[in-house]
């Protein structure tokens, strides 16, 4: 889950491990203990978010917080870039006014 933090209906176990900061073995064991059904497509098992929301609410809240934090960080960086651009334009205009 690098780049934009899009919410998807299904996540690979490896992606969830990165979110949760857990090893694949430990996460798989947790999923099995809580009765979460994985969907196997090709080689990678996928986990439906609805299963996590229903059966592992602690992990669900953590995922929501992580996604929200990433979106906030993205918005903040865009605002900072926009502010820097506006300041640069204002400085350029001041420079032009002084040179006249």
N, C-alpha and C. Protein backbone atom coordinates (compact mmCIF):
# COMPACT_ATOMS: atom_id res chain seq x y z
N UNK A 1 0.81 -1.17 0.00
CA UNK A 1 0.00 0.00 0.00
C UNK A 1 0.86 1.25 0.00
N UNK A 2 1.56 1.35 -0.99
CA UNK A 2 2.37 2.54 -1.11
C UNK A 2 1.62 3.53 -1.99
N UNK A 3 2.01 4.75 -1.96
CA UNK A 3 1.33 5.76 -2.74
C UNK A 3 0.04 6.19 -2.08
N UNK A 4 -0.99 6.38 -2.91
CA UNK A 4 -2.26 6.84 -2.38
C UNK A 4 -2.93 5.76 -1.53
N UNK A 5 -3.50 6.17 -0.43
CA UNK A 5 -4.12 5.20 0.47
C UNK A 5 -5.56 4.89 0.10
N UNK A 6 -5.77 4.30 -1.06
CA UNK A 6 -7.12 3.98 -1.49
C UNK A 6 -7.69 2.85 -0.66
N UNK A 7 -8.96 2.95 -0.38
CA UNK A 7 -9.65 1.89 0.33
C UNK A 7 -10.14 0.91 -0.72
N UNK A 8 -9.83 -0.36 -0.51
CA UNK A 8 -10.25 -1.41 -1.43
C UNK A 8 -11.12 -2.40 -0.68
N UNK A 9 -11.90 -3.16 -1.42
CA UNK A 9 -12.77 -4.17 -0.81
C UNK A 9 -11.97 -5.38 -0.34
N UNK A 10 -10.91 -5.70 -1.05
CA UNK A 10 -10.06 -6.84 -0.72
C UNK A 10 -8.62 -6.40 -0.57
N UNK A 11 -7.93 -6.96 0.42
CA UNK A 11 -6.51 -6.69 0.60
C UNK A 11 -5.75 -7.99 0.63
N UNK A 12 -4.57 -7.97 0.04
CA UNK A 12 -3.68 -9.12 0.17
C UNK A 12 -3.22 -9.20 1.62
N UNK A 13 -2.94 -10.40 2.06
CA UNK A 13 -2.47 -10.56 3.44
C UNK A 13 -1.18 -9.76 3.65
N UNK A 14 -0.32 -9.72 2.64
CA UNK A 14 0.93 -8.96 2.77
C UNK A 14 0.66 -7.48 3.01
N UNK A 15 -0.36 -6.92 2.35
CA UNK A 15 -0.71 -5.51 2.55
C UNK A 15 -1.21 -5.28 3.97
N UNK A 16 -2.05 -6.18 4.43
CA UNK A 16 -2.57 -6.04 5.80
C UNK A 16 -1.45 -6.17 6.82
N UNK A 17 -0.47 -7.02 6.54
CA UNK A 17 0.68 -7.16 7.45
C UNK A 17 1.42 -5.84 7.60
N UNK A 18 1.59 -5.14 6.48
CA UNK A 18 2.28 -3.85 6.53
C UNK A 18 1.48 -2.84 7.34
N UNK A 19 0.16 -2.81 7.14
CA UNK A 19 -0.70 -1.93 7.92
C UNK A 19 -0.62 -2.25 9.40
N UNK A 20 -0.73 -3.53 9.71
CA UNK A 20 -0.82 -3.96 11.11
C UNK A 20 0.54 -4.07 11.79
N UNK A 21 1.62 -4.09 11.01
CA UNK A 21 2.95 -4.24 11.58
C UNK A 21 3.15 -5.64 12.17
N UNK A 22 2.58 -6.63 11.50
CA UNK A 22 2.66 -8.01 11.98
C UNK A 22 3.30 -8.89 10.91
N UNK A 23 3.80 -10.03 11.34
CA UNK A 23 4.31 -11.01 10.38
C UNK A 23 3.13 -11.70 9.70
N UNK A 24 3.39 -12.27 8.54
CA UNK A 24 2.33 -12.99 7.84
C UNK A 24 1.81 -14.15 8.66
N UNK A 25 2.73 -14.85 9.30
CA UNK A 25 2.34 -16.01 10.11
C UNK A 25 1.39 -15.58 11.23
N UNK A 26 1.75 -14.54 11.92
CA UNK A 26 0.93 -14.09 13.05
C UNK A 26 -0.45 -13.58 12.57
N UNK A 27 -0.45 -12.83 11.47
CA UNK A 27 -1.72 -12.32 10.96
C UNK A 27 -2.61 -13.46 10.48
N UNK A 28 -2.03 -14.42 9.76
CA UNK A 28 -2.82 -15.57 9.31
C UNK A 28 -3.43 -16.31 10.50
N UNK A 29 -2.65 -16.47 11.54
CA UNK A 29 -3.14 -17.16 12.74
C UNK A 29 -4.29 -16.37 13.36
N UNK A 30 -4.16 -15.05 13.44
CA UNK A 30 -5.22 -14.21 13.97
C UNK A 30 -6.49 -14.34 13.13
N UNK A 31 -6.33 -14.30 11.81
CA UNK A 31 -7.47 -14.42 10.92
C UNK A 31 -8.18 -15.77 11.11
N UNK A 32 -7.39 -16.82 11.23
CA UNK A 32 -7.97 -18.16 11.44
C UNK A 32 -8.69 -18.24 12.78
N UNK A 33 -8.07 -17.70 13.83
CA UNK A 33 -8.68 -17.75 15.16
C UNK A 33 -10.01 -17.02 15.20
N UNK A 34 -10.11 -15.91 14.47
CA UNK A 34 -11.33 -15.11 14.48
C UNK A 34 -12.35 -15.56 13.43
N UNK A 35 -11.99 -16.58 12.64
CA UNK A 35 -12.93 -17.11 11.65
C UNK A 35 -13.09 -16.26 10.41
N UNK A 36 -12.05 -15.48 10.06
CA UNK A 36 -12.09 -14.65 8.87
C UNK A 36 -11.83 -15.53 7.65
N UNK A 37 -12.71 -15.44 6.67
CA UNK A 37 -12.59 -16.23 5.44
C UNK A 37 -11.75 -15.47 4.43
N UNK A 38 -10.69 -16.10 3.96
CA UNK A 38 -9.83 -15.51 2.92
C UNK A 38 -10.31 -16.00 1.56
N UNK A 39 -10.11 -15.18 0.57
CA UNK A 39 -10.44 -15.53 -0.81
C UNK A 39 -9.14 -15.75 -1.54
N UNK A 40 -8.97 -16.91 -2.12
CA UNK A 40 -7.74 -17.20 -2.85
C UNK A 40 -7.99 -16.96 -4.33
N UNK A 41 -7.20 -16.04 -4.89
CA UNK A 41 -7.27 -15.73 -6.32
C UNK A 41 -5.84 -15.77 -6.84
N UNK A 42 -5.55 -16.76 -7.63
CA UNK A 42 -4.17 -16.94 -8.07
C UNK A 42 -3.36 -17.49 -6.92
N UNK A 43 -2.23 -16.88 -6.67
CA UNK A 43 -1.36 -17.35 -5.60
C UNK A 43 -1.58 -16.62 -4.28
N UNK A 44 -2.09 -15.41 -4.35
CA UNK A 44 -2.20 -14.59 -3.13
C UNK A 44 -3.58 -14.71 -2.50
N UNK A 45 -3.61 -14.94 -1.19
CA UNK A 45 -4.90 -14.91 -0.50
C UNK A 45 -5.32 -13.46 -0.21
N UNK A 46 -6.59 -13.17 -0.41
CA UNK A 46 -7.14 -11.85 -0.16
C UNK A 46 -8.09 -11.91 1.02
N UNK A 47 -8.18 -10.80 1.74
CA UNK A 47 -9.06 -10.71 2.89
C UNK A 47 -10.08 -9.60 2.62
N UNK A 48 -11.39 -9.92 2.68
CA UNK A 48 -12.40 -8.89 2.50
C UNK A 48 -12.45 -7.95 3.71
N UNK A 49 -12.54 -6.66 3.45
CA UNK A 49 -12.62 -5.70 4.55
C UNK A 49 -13.86 -5.91 5.40
N UNK A 50 -14.93 -6.38 4.79
CA UNK A 50 -16.16 -6.62 5.55
C UNK A 50 -15.94 -7.69 6.62
N UNK A 51 -15.12 -8.68 6.32
CA UNK A 51 -14.80 -9.73 7.30
C UNK A 51 -14.01 -9.15 8.46
N UNK A 52 -13.07 -8.27 8.15
CA UNK A 52 -12.25 -7.65 9.20
C UNK A 52 -13.13 -6.76 10.07
N UNK A 53 -13.98 -5.97 9.43
CA UNK A 53 -14.86 -5.07 10.17
C UNK A 53 -15.75 -5.85 11.14
N UNK A 54 -16.26 -6.96 10.68
CA UNK A 54 -17.19 -7.75 11.48
C UNK A 54 -16.49 -8.58 12.56
N UNK A 55 -15.34 -9.18 12.22
CA UNK A 55 -14.74 -10.17 13.11
C UNK A 55 -13.50 -9.71 13.87
N UNK A 56 -12.84 -8.66 13.39
CA UNK A 56 -11.67 -8.13 14.10
C UNK A 56 -11.81 -6.61 14.17
N UNK A 57 -12.71 -6.11 15.01
CA UNK A 57 -12.96 -4.66 15.05
C UNK A 57 -11.73 -3.84 15.45
N UNK A 58 -10.82 -4.42 16.23
CA UNK A 58 -9.61 -3.69 16.62
C UNK A 58 -8.75 -3.39 15.39
N UNK A 59 -8.58 -4.39 14.53
CA UNK A 59 -7.80 -4.21 13.31
C UNK A 59 -8.53 -3.26 12.37
N UNK A 60 -9.83 -3.36 12.30
CA UNK A 60 -10.63 -2.47 11.47
C UNK A 60 -10.41 -1.01 11.86
N UNK A 61 -10.48 -0.72 13.16
CA UNK A 61 -10.27 0.67 13.62
C UNK A 61 -8.86 1.14 13.29
N UNK A 62 -7.88 0.26 13.42
CA UNK A 62 -6.50 0.62 13.09
C UNK A 62 -6.35 0.93 11.60
N UNK A 63 -6.98 0.13 10.76
CA UNK A 63 -6.92 0.38 9.31
C UNK A 63 -7.56 1.72 8.98
N UNK A 64 -8.71 1.98 9.57
CA UNK A 64 -9.39 3.26 9.32
C UNK A 64 -8.52 4.44 9.77
N UNK A 65 -7.89 4.32 10.91
CA UNK A 65 -7.02 5.38 11.42
C UNK A 65 -5.82 5.60 10.51
N UNK A 66 -5.22 4.50 10.06
CA UNK A 66 -4.04 4.61 9.18
C UNK A 66 -4.40 5.28 7.86
N UNK A 67 -5.52 4.89 7.29
CA UNK A 67 -5.95 5.48 6.02
C UNK A 67 -6.28 6.96 6.21
N UNK A 68 -6.95 7.27 7.28
CA UNK A 68 -7.30 8.66 7.57
C UNK A 68 -6.04 9.52 7.77
N UNK A 69 -5.06 8.98 8.49
CA UNK A 69 -3.81 9.70 8.74
C UNK A 69 -3.06 9.95 7.44
N UNK A 70 -3.04 8.96 6.57
CA UNK A 70 -2.35 9.13 5.29
C UNK A 70 -3.04 10.18 4.43
N UNK A 71 -4.36 10.17 4.44
CA UNK A 71 -5.09 11.18 3.66
C UNK A 71 -4.81 12.57 4.21
N UNK A 72 -4.78 12.70 5.52
CA UNK A 72 -4.50 13.99 6.15
C UNK A 72 -3.09 14.46 5.77
N UNK A 73 -2.12 13.54 5.81
CA UNK A 73 -0.75 13.89 5.42
C UNK A 73 -0.69 14.35 3.97
N UNK A 74 -1.43 13.66 3.09
CA UNK A 74 -1.45 14.06 1.69
C UNK A 74 -2.03 15.46 1.53
N UNK A 75 -3.14 15.72 2.23
CA UNK A 75 -3.75 17.05 2.15
C UNK A 75 -2.81 18.12 2.67
N UNK A 76 -2.12 17.83 3.76
CA UNK A 76 -1.20 18.79 4.36
C UNK A 76 -0.06 19.10 3.40
N UNK A 77 0.48 18.07 2.75
CA UNK A 77 1.60 18.30 1.85
C UNK A 77 1.15 19.10 0.63
N UNK A 78 -0.08 18.84 0.15
CA UNK A 78 -0.60 19.63 -0.99
C UNK A 78 -0.79 21.08 -0.58
N UNK A 79 -1.28 21.32 0.63
CA UNK A 79 -1.49 22.68 1.11
C UNK A 79 -0.16 23.40 1.24
N UNK A 80 0.86 22.70 1.76
CA UNK A 80 2.19 23.29 1.90
C UNK A 80 2.76 23.64 0.54
N UNK A 81 2.62 22.74 -0.45
CA UNK A 81 3.12 23.01 -1.80
C UNK A 81 2.40 24.20 -2.40
N UNK A 82 1.08 24.25 -2.21
CA UNK A 82 0.29 25.35 -2.74
C UNK A 82 0.70 26.68 -2.11
N UNK A 83 0.91 26.67 -0.80
CA UNK A 83 1.34 27.88 -0.10
C UNK A 83 2.70 28.34 -0.59
N UNK A 84 3.60 27.40 -0.81
CA UNK A 84 4.93 27.75 -1.30
C UNK A 84 4.85 28.36 -2.69
N UNK A 85 3.99 27.81 -3.55
CA UNK A 85 3.81 28.36 -4.89
C UNK A 85 3.25 29.78 -4.83
N UNK A 86 2.25 29.99 -3.96
CA UNK A 86 1.66 31.32 -3.83
C UNK A 86 2.69 32.33 -3.32
N UNK A 87 3.49 31.90 -2.37
CA UNK A 87 4.53 32.79 -1.83
C UNK A 87 5.55 33.12 -2.91
N UNK A 88 5.91 32.12 -3.71
CA UNK A 88 6.86 32.34 -4.79
C UNK A 88 6.31 33.35 -5.80
N UNK A 89 5.04 33.21 -6.14
CA UNK A 89 4.42 34.16 -7.08
C UNK A 89 4.38 35.57 -6.48
N UNK A 90 4.05 35.67 -5.20
CA UNK A 90 4.00 36.97 -4.54
C UNK A 90 5.38 37.62 -4.52
N UNK A 91 6.42 36.84 -4.25
CA UNK A 91 7.79 37.36 -4.25
C UNK A 91 8.18 37.83 -5.65
N UNK A 92 7.79 37.09 -6.65
CA UNK A 92 8.10 37.47 -8.03
C UNK A 92 7.43 38.79 -8.37
N UNK A 93 6.18 38.96 -7.97
CA UNK A 93 5.45 40.20 -8.24
C UNK A 93 6.11 41.38 -7.51
N UNK A 94 6.52 41.17 -6.25
CA UNK A 94 7.20 42.23 -5.48
C UNK A 94 8.50 42.62 -6.19
N UNK A 95 9.25 41.62 -6.66
CA UNK A 95 10.52 41.87 -7.34
C UNK A 95 10.29 42.70 -8.60
N UNK A 96 9.24 42.33 -9.37
CA UNK A 96 8.92 43.08 -10.57
C UNK A 96 8.53 44.52 -10.25
N UNK A 97 7.78 44.71 -9.18
CA UNK A 97 7.35 46.06 -8.79
C UNK A 97 8.55 46.90 -8.39
N UNK A 98 9.55 46.31 -7.74
CA UNK A 98 10.74 47.05 -7.31
C UNK A 98 11.58 47.43 -8.51
N UNK A 99 11.69 46.55 -9.48
CA UNK A 99 12.52 46.78 -10.66
C UNK A 99 11.96 47.89 -11.55
N UNK A 100 10.67 48.17 -11.47
CA UNK A 100 10.06 49.19 -12.35
C UNK A 100 10.40 50.54 -11.92
